[in-house]
Amino acid sequence: KNAVISNSNTADVDNQKEAKQEATSQPQTSSKD
């Protein structure tokens, strides 16, 4: 339940903060391209 939205309340969701632009962001790396 901590990882998903409540059916009735969206205020509890901890939105991911936006990553910075290309020069400074830390992208998620994939196991393969």
All heavy atoms as atom14 arrays in JSON, in Angstrom:
{
  "sequence": "KNAVISNSNTADVDNQKEAKQEATSQPQTSSKD",
  "atom14_mask": [
    [1, 1, 1, 1, 1, 1, 1, 1, 1, 0, 0, 0, 0, 0],
    [1, 1, 1, 1, 1, 1, 1, 1, 0, 0, 0, 0, 0, 0],
    [1, 1, 1, 1, 1, 0, 0, 0, 0, 0, 0, 0, 0, 0],
    [1, 1, 1, 1, 1, 1, 1, 0, 0, 0, 0, 0, 0, 0],
    [1, 1, 1, 1, 1, 1, 1, 1, 0, 0, 0, 0, 0, 0],
    [1, 1, 1, 1, 1, 1, 0, 0, 0, 0, 0, 0, 0, 0],
    [1, 1, 1, 1, 1, 1, 1, 1, 0, 0, 0, 0, 0, 0],
    [1, 1, 1, 1, 1, 1, 0, 0, 0, 0, 0, 0, 0, 0],
    [1, 1, 1, 1, 1, 1, 1, 1, 0, 0, 0, 0, 0, 0],
    [1, 1, 1, 1, 1, 1, 1, 0, 0, 0, 0, 0, 0, 0],
    [1, 1, 1, 1, 1, 0, 0, 0, 0, 0, 0, 0, 0, 0],
    [1, 1, 1, 1, 1, 1, 1, 1, 0, 0, 0, 0, 0, 0],
    [1, 1, 1, 1, 1, 1, 1, 0, 0, 0, 0, 0, 0, 0],
    [1, 1, 1, 1, 1, 1, 1, 1, 0, 0, 0, 0, 0, 0],
    [1, 1, 1, 1, 1, 1, 1, 1, 0, 0, 0, 0, 0, 0],
    [1, 1, 1, 1, 1, 1, 1, 1, 1, 0, 0, 0, 0, 0],
    [1, 1, 1, 1, 1, 1, 1, 1, 1, 0, 0, 0, 0, 0],
    [1, 1, 1, 1, 1, 1, 1, 1, 1, 0, 0, 0, 0, 0],
    [1, 1, 1, 1, 1, 0, 0, 0, 0, 0, 0, 0, 0, 0],
    [1, 1, 1, 1, 1, 1, 1, 1, 1, 0, 0, 0, 0, 0],
    [1, 1, 1, 1, 1, 1, 1, 1, 1, 0, 0, 0, 0, 0],
    [1, 1, 1, 1, 1, 1, 1, 1, 1, 0, 0, 0, 0, 0],
    [1, 1, 1, 1, 1, 0, 0, 0, 0, 0, 0, 0, 0, 0],
    [1, 1, 1, 1, 1, 1, 1, 0, 0, 0, 0, 0, 0, 0],
    [1, 1, 1, 1, 1, 1, 0, 0, 0, 0, 0, 0, 0, 0],
    [1, 1, 1, 1, 1, 1, 1, 1, 1, 0, 0, 0, 0, 0],
    [1, 1, 1, 1, 1, 1, 1, 0, 0, 0, 0, 0, 0, 0],
    [1, 1, 1, 1, 1, 1, 1, 1, 1, 0, 0, 0, 0, 0],
    [1, 1, 1, 1, 1, 1, 1, 0, 0, 0, 0, 0, 0, 0],
    [1, 1, 1, 1, 1, 1, 0, 0, 0, 0, 0, 0, 0, 0],
    [1, 1, 1, 1, 1, 1, 0, 0, 0, 0, 0, 0, 0, 0],
    [1, 1, 1, 1, 1, 1, 1, 1, 1, 0, 0, 0, 0, 0],
    [1, 1, 1, 1, 1, 1, 1, 1, 0, 0, 0, 0, 0, 0]
  ],
  "atom14_positions": [
    [[0.82, -1.22, 0.0], [0.0, 0.0, 0.0], [0.85, 1.27, 0.0], [0.41, 2.32, -0.45], [-0.92, 0.01, 1.22], [-2.05, -0.99, 1.16], [-3.16, -0.5, 0.26], [-4.36, -1.43, 0.32], [-5.46, -0.96, -0.53], [0.0, 0.0, 0.0], [0.0, 0.0, 0.0], [0.0, 0.0, 0.0], [0.0, 0.0, 0.0], [0.0, 0.0, 0.0]],
    [[2.06, 1.2, 0.52], [2.92, 2.37, 0.56], [3.47, 2.73, -0.82], [3.97, 3.82, -1.03], [4.08, 2.14, 1.52], [3.62, 1.99, 2.94], [2.68, 2.65, 3.36], [4.27, 1.11, 3.69], [0.0, 0.0, 0.0], [0.0, 0.0, 0.0], [0.0, 0.0, 0.0], [0.0, 0.0, 0.0], [0.0, 0.0, 0.0], [0.0, 0.0, 0.0]],
    [[3.35, 1.78, -1.76], [3.92, 2.02, -3.09], [2.87, 2.4, -4.11], [3.18, 2.69, -5.25], [4.65, 0.76, -3.56], [0.0, 0.0, 0.0], [0.0, 0.0, 0.0], [0.0, 0.0, 0.0], [0.0, 0.0, 0.0], [0.0, 0.0, 0.0], [0.0, 0.0, 0.0], [0.0, 0.0, 0.0], [0.0, 0.0, 0.0], [0.0, 0.0, 0.0]],
    [[1.61, 2.41, -3.68], [0.53, 2.65, -4.64], [-0.45, 3.66, -4.09], [-0.47, 3.98, -2.92], [-0.21, 1.34, -4.98], [0.71, 0.37, -5.69], [-0.77, 0.69, -3.74], [0.0, 0.0, 0.0], [0.0, 0.0, 0.0], [0.0, 0.0, 0.0], [0.0, 0.0, 0.0], [0.0, 0.0, 0.0], [0.0, 0.0, 0.0], [0.0, 0.0, 0.0]],
    [[-1.29, 4.13, -4.98], [-2.25, 5.17, -4.64], [-3.44, 4.6, -3.88], [-3.85, 3.47, -4.1], [-2.73, 5.85, -5.94], [-3.51, 7.12, -5.65], [-3.55, 4.93, -6.79], [-3.8, 7.92, -6.89], [0.0, 0.0, 0.0], [0.0, 0.0, 0.0], [0.0, 0.0, 0.0], [0.0, 0.0, 0.0], [0.0, 0.0, 0.0], [0.0, 0.0, 0.0]],
    [[-3.98, 5.38, -2.97], [-5.22, 5.0, -2.32], [-6.36, 5.14, -3.31], [-6.35, 6.03, -4.15], [-5.48, 5.92, -1.11], [-6.83, 5.87, -0.72], [0.0, 0.0, 0.0], [0.0, 0.0, 0.0], [0.0, 0.0, 0.0], [0.0, 0.0, 0.0], [0.0, 0.0, 0.0], [0.0, 0.0, 0.0], [0.0, 0.0, 0.0], [0.0, 0.0, 0.0]],
    [[-7.35, 4.27, -3.22], [-8.48, 4.35, -4.15], [-9.25, 5.65, -4.02], [-9.92, 6.09, -4.94], [-9.44, 3.18, -3.92], [-8.9, 1.89, -4.47], [-7.87, 1.88, -5.14], [-9.58, 0.79, -4.2], [0.0, 0.0, 0.0], [0.0, 0.0, 0.0], [0.0, 0.0, 0.0], [0.0, 0.0, 0.0], [0.0, 0.0, 0.0], [0.0, 0.0, 0.0]],
    [[-9.2, 6.27, -2.86], [-10.03, 7.45, -2.63], [-9.24, 8.72, -2.39], [-9.81, 9.79, -2.34], [-10.94, 7.2, -1.42], [-10.16, 6.94, -0.26], [0.0, 0.0, 0.0], [0.0, 0.0, 0.0], [0.0, 0.0, 0.0], [0.0, 0.0, 0.0], [0.0, 0.0, 0.0], [0.0, 0.0, 0.0], [0.0, 0.0, 0.0], [0.0, 0.0, 0.0]],
    [[-7.95, 8.63, -2.21], [-7.19, 9.81, -1.84], [-5.86, 9.84, -2.58], [-5.0, 9.0, -2.35], [-6.95, 9.83, -0.33], [-6.22, 11.09, 0.13], [-6.05, 12.02, -0.65], [-5.84, 11.12, 1.39], [0.0, 0.0, 0.0], [0.0, 0.0, 0.0], [0.0, 0.0, 0.0], [0.0, 0.0, 0.0], [0.0, 0.0, 0.0], [0.0, 0.0, 0.0]],
    [[-5.68, 10.8, -3.47], [-4.43, 10.9, -4.21], [-3.41, 11.77, -3.5], [-2.27, 11.86, -3.93], [-4.68, 11.5, -5.6], [-5.17, 12.84, -5.46], [-5.69, 10.69, -6.38], [0.0, 0.0, 0.0], [0.0, 0.0, 0.0], [0.0, 0.0, 0.0], [0.0, 0.0, 0.0], [0.0, 0.0, 0.0], [0.0, 0.0, 0.0], [0.0, 0.0, 0.0]],
    [[-3.81, 12.41, -2.4], [-2.89, 13.32, -1.73], [-1.77, 12.6, -1.01], [-0.75, 13.2, -0.69], [-3.67, 14.18, -0.72], [0.0, 0.0, 0.0], [0.0, 0.0, 0.0], [0.0, 0.0, 0.0], [0.0, 0.0, 0.0], [0.0, 0.0, 0.0], [0.0, 0.0, 0.0], [0.0, 0.0, 0.0], [0.0, 0.0, 0.0], [0.0, 0.0, 0.0]],
    [[-1.96, 11.31, -0.75], [-0.94, 10.56, -0.02], [0.23, 10.12, -0.88], [1.22, 9.6, -0.37], [-1.57, 9.32, 0.62], [-2.58, 9.69, 1.69], [-2.46, 10.79, 2.26], [-3.5, 8.89, 1.94], [0.0, 0.0, 0.0], [0.0, 0.0, 0.0], [0.0, 0.0, 0.0], [0.0, 0.0, 0.0], [0.0, 0.0, 0.0], [0.0, 0.0, 0.0]],
    [[0.1, 10.29, -2.19], [1.14, 9.81, -3.08], [2.37, 10.7, -2.98], [2.28, 11.92, -3.07], [0.63, 9.78, -4.53], [1.74, 9.31, -5.46], [-0.57, 8.87, -4.64], [0.0, 0.0, 0.0], [0.0, 0.0, 0.0], [0.0, 0.0, 0.0], [0.0, 0.0, 0.0], [0.0, 0.0, 0.0], [0.0, 0.0, 0.0], [0.0, 0.0, 0.0]],
    [[3.51, 10.08, -2.78], [4.77, 10.82, -2.74], [5.33, 10.86, -4.15], [6.02, 9.95, -4.59], [5.75, 10.12, -1.79], [7.06, 10.89, -1.67], [7.1, 12.07, -2.07], [8.04, 10.3, -1.19], [0.0, 0.0, 0.0], [0.0, 0.0, 0.0], [0.0, 0.0, 0.0], [0.0, 0.0, 0.0], [0.0, 0.0, 0.0], [0.0, 0.0, 0.0]],
    [[5.0, 11.92, -4.9], [5.43, 12.01, -6.29], [6.94, 12.08, -6.4], [7.61, 12.74, -5.6], [4.83, 13.25, -6.96], [3.35, 13.1, -7.16], [2.86, 12.0, -7.36], [2.62, 14.21, -7.09], [0.0, 0.0, 0.0], [0.0, 0.0, 0.0], [0.0, 0.0, 0.0], [0.0, 0.0, 0.0], [0.0, 0.0, 0.0], [0.0, 0.0, 0.0]],
    [[7.44, 11.43, -7.41], [8.88, 11.49, -7.68], [9.24, 12.91, -8.08], [8.57, 13.53, -8.89], [9.24, 10.54, -8.81], [10.72, 10.56, -9.14], [10.98, 9.94, -10.49], [10.18, 10.07, -11.39], [12.1, 9.29, -10.63], [0.0, 0.0, 0.0], [0.0, 0.0, 0.0], [0.0, 0.0, 0.0], [0.0, 0.0, 0.0], [0.0, 0.0, 0.0]],
    [[10.3, 13.43, -7.5], [10.76, 14.75, -7.9], [11.38, 14.66, -9.28], [12.03, 13.69, -9.63], [11.79, 15.29, -6.9], [11.18, 15.57, -5.53], [12.23, 16.15, -4.59], [11.61, 16.44, -3.22], [12.62, 16.99, -2.27], [0.0, 0.0, 0.0], [0.0, 0.0, 0.0], [0.0, 0.0, 0.0], [0.0, 0.0, 0.0], [0.0, 0.0, 0.0]],
    [[11.16, 15.71, -10.08], [11.67, 15.69, -11.44], [13.2, 15.64, -11.45], [13.87, 16.28, -10.65], [11.2, 16.94, -12.19], [9.72, 16.92, -12.5], [9.33, 18.06, -13.41], [10.18, 18.95, -13.61], [8.21, 18.06, -13.9], [0.0, 0.0, 0.0], [0.0, 0.0, 0.0], [0.0, 0.0, 0.0], [0.0, 0.0, 0.0], [0.0, 0.0, 0.0]],
    [[13.7, 14.86, -12.38], [15.15, 14.82, -12.57], [15.61, 16.11, -13.22], [14.83, 16.82, -13.83], [15.51, 13.63, -13.46], [0.0, 0.0, 0.0], [0.0, 0.0, 0.0], [0.0, 0.0, 0.0], [0.0, 0.0, 0.0], [0.0, 0.0, 0.0], [0.0, 0.0, 0.0], [0.0, 0.0, 0.0], [0.0, 0.0, 0.0], [0.0, 0.0, 0.0]],
    [[16.88, 16.42, -13.07], [17.4, 17.61, -13.72], [17.65, 17.31, -15.19], [17.56, 16.18, -15.64], [18.69, 18.05, -13.03], [18.48, 18.49, -11.59], [19.78, 18.95, -10.96], [19.54, 19.39, -9.52], [20.8, 19.83, -8.87], [0.0, 0.0, 0.0], [0.0, 0.0, 0.0], [0.0, 0.0, 0.0], [0.0, 0.0, 0.0], [0.0, 0.0, 0.0]],
    [[17.98, 18.37, -15.94], [18.18, 18.22, -17.38], [19.4, 17.36, -17.66], [20.15, 17.0, -16.76], [18.36, 19.61, -17.99], [18.15, 19.65, -19.47], [18.29, 21.04, -20.0], [18.11, 21.99, -19.28], [18.61, 21.16, -21.26], [0.0, 0.0, 0.0], [0.0, 0.0, 0.0], [0.0, 0.0, 0.0], [0.0, 0.0, 0.0], [0.0, 0.0, 0.0]],
    [[19.61, 17.01, -18.92], [20.61, 16.05, -19.35], [21.96, 16.21, -18.67], [22.56, 15.25, -18.22], [20.81, 16.17, -20.86], [21.89, 15.29, -21.41], [22.2, 15.59, -22.85], [21.32, 15.98, -23.61], [23.38, 15.44, -23.21], [0.0, 0.0, 0.0], [0.0, 0.0, 0.0], [0.0, 0.0, 0.0], [0.0, 0.0, 0.0], [0.0, 0.0, 0.0]],
    [[22.42, 17.43, -18.55], [23.79, 17.65, -18.06], [23.97, 17.23, -16.61], [25.06, 16.88, -16.19], [24.15, 19.13, -18.21], [0.0, 0.0, 0.0], [0.0, 0.0, 0.0], [0.0, 0.0, 0.0], [0.0, 0.0, 0.0], [0.0, 0.0, 0.0], [0.0, 0.0, 0.0], [0.0, 0.0, 0.0], [0.0, 0.0, 0.0], [0.0, 0.0, 0.0]],
    [[22.87, 17.29, -15.81], [23.03, 17.03, -14.38], [22.19, 15.89, -13.87], [22.3, 15.51, -12.71], [22.67, 18.3, -13.58], [21.33, 18.68, -13.91], [23.62, 19.44, -13.92], [0.0, 0.0, 0.0], [0.0, 0.0, 0.0], [0.0, 0.0, 0.0], [0.0, 0.0, 0.0], [0.0, 0.0, 0.0], [0.0, 0.0, 0.0], [0.0, 0.0, 0.0]],
    [[21.28, 15.32, -14.68], [20.39, 14.27, -14.19], [21.12, 12.96, -14.01], [22.16, 12.71, -14.6], [19.21, 14.09, -15.15], [19.69, 13.68, -16.41], [0.0, 0.0, 0.0], [0.0, 0.0, 0.0], [0.0, 0.0, 0.0], [0.0, 0.0, 0.0], [0.0, 0.0, 0.0], [0.0, 0.0, 0.0], [0.0, 0.0, 0.0], [0.0, 0.0, 0.0]],
    [[20.53, 12.1, -13.18], [21.08, 10.77, -12.95], [20.08, 9.75, -13.48], [19.18, 9.32, -12.77], [21.33, 10.56, -11.44], [22.33, 11.54, -10.86], [23.71, 11.36, -11.46], [24.15, 10.24, -11.7], [24.41, 12.46, -11.72], [0.0, 0.0, 0.0], [0.0, 0.0, 0.0], [0.0, 0.0, 0.0], [0.0, 0.0, 0.0], [0.0, 0.0, 0.0]],
    [[20.19, 9.35, -14.72], [19.2, 8.44, -15.3], [19.31, 7.04, -14.73], [20.35, 6.64, -14.23], [19.55, 8.44, -16.79], [21.03, 8.7, -16.8], [21.27, 9.67, -15.66], [0.0, 0.0, 0.0], [0.0, 0.0, 0.0], [0.0, 0.0, 0.0], [0.0, 0.0, 0.0], [0.0, 0.0, 0.0], [0.0, 0.0, 0.0], [0.0, 0.0, 0.0]],
    [[18.18, 6.31, -14.85], [18.2, 4.9, -14.49], [18.92, 4.15, -15.59], [18.62, 4.3, -16.76], [16.77, 4.36, -14.37], [15.94, 5.05, -13.3], [14.54, 4.51, -13.29], [14.22, 3.55, -13.96], [13.68, 5.15, -12.52], [0.0, 0.0, 0.0], [0.0, 0.0, 0.0], [0.0, 0.0, 0.0], [0.0, 0.0, 0.0], [0.0, 0.0, 0.0]],
    [[19.87, 3.34, -15.25], [20.59, 2.58, -16.26], [19.89, 1.25, -16.48], [19.33, 0.67, -15.56], [22.04, 2.34, -15.83], [22.04, 1.67, -14.58], [22.79, 3.66, -15.71], [0.0, 0.0, 0.0], [0.0, 0.0, 0.0], [0.0, 0.0, 0.0], [0.0, 0.0, 0.0], [0.0, 0.0, 0.0], [0.0, 0.0, 0.0], [0.0, 0.0, 0.0]],
    [[19.93, 0.79, -17.7], [19.29, -0.46, -18.06], [20.33, -1.55, -18.2], [21.49, -1.28, -18.5], [18.53, -0.29, -19.39], [18.03, -1.51, -19.83], [0.0, 0.0, 0.0], [0.0, 0.0, 0.0], [0.0, 0.0, 0.0], [0.0, 0.0, 0.0], [0.0, 0.0, 0.0], [0.0, 0.0, 0.0], [0.0, 0.0, 0.0], [0.0, 0.0, 0.0]],
    [[19.89, -2.8, -17.99], [20.82, -3.91, -18.12], [21.26, -4.11, -19.56], [22.3, -4.68, -19.83], [20.16, -5.19, -17.6], [18.97, -5.46, -18.32], [0.0, 0.0, 0.0], [0.0, 0.0, 0.0], [0.0, 0.0, 0.0], [0.0, 0.0, 0.0], [0.0, 0.0, 0.0], [0.0, 0.0, 0.0], [0.0, 0.0, 0.0], [0.0, 0.0, 0.0]],
    [[20.44, -3.63, -20.51], [20.84, -3.71, -21.9], [20.2, -2.56, -22.67], [19.12, -2.09, -22.33], [20.43, -5.04, -22.51], [18.94, -5.26, -22.64], [18.67, -6.56, -23.39], [17.16, -6.74, -23.6], [16.87, -7.93, -24.41], [0.0, 0.0, 0.0], [0.0, 0.0, 0.0], [0.0, 0.0, 0.0], [0.0, 0.0, 0.0], [0.0, 0.0, 0.0]],
    [[20.91, -2.11, -23.69], [20.38, -1.05, -24.52], [19.37, -1.62, -25.5], [19.42, -2.79, -25.87], [21.53, -0.37, -25.28], [22.51, 0.32, -24.34], [22.07, 0.74, -23.25], [23.7, 0.41, -24.69], [0.0, 0.0, 0.0], [0.0, 0.0, 0.0], [0.0, 0.0, 0.0], [0.0, 0.0, 0.0], [0.0, 0.0, 0.0], [0.0, 0.0, 0.0]]
  ]
}
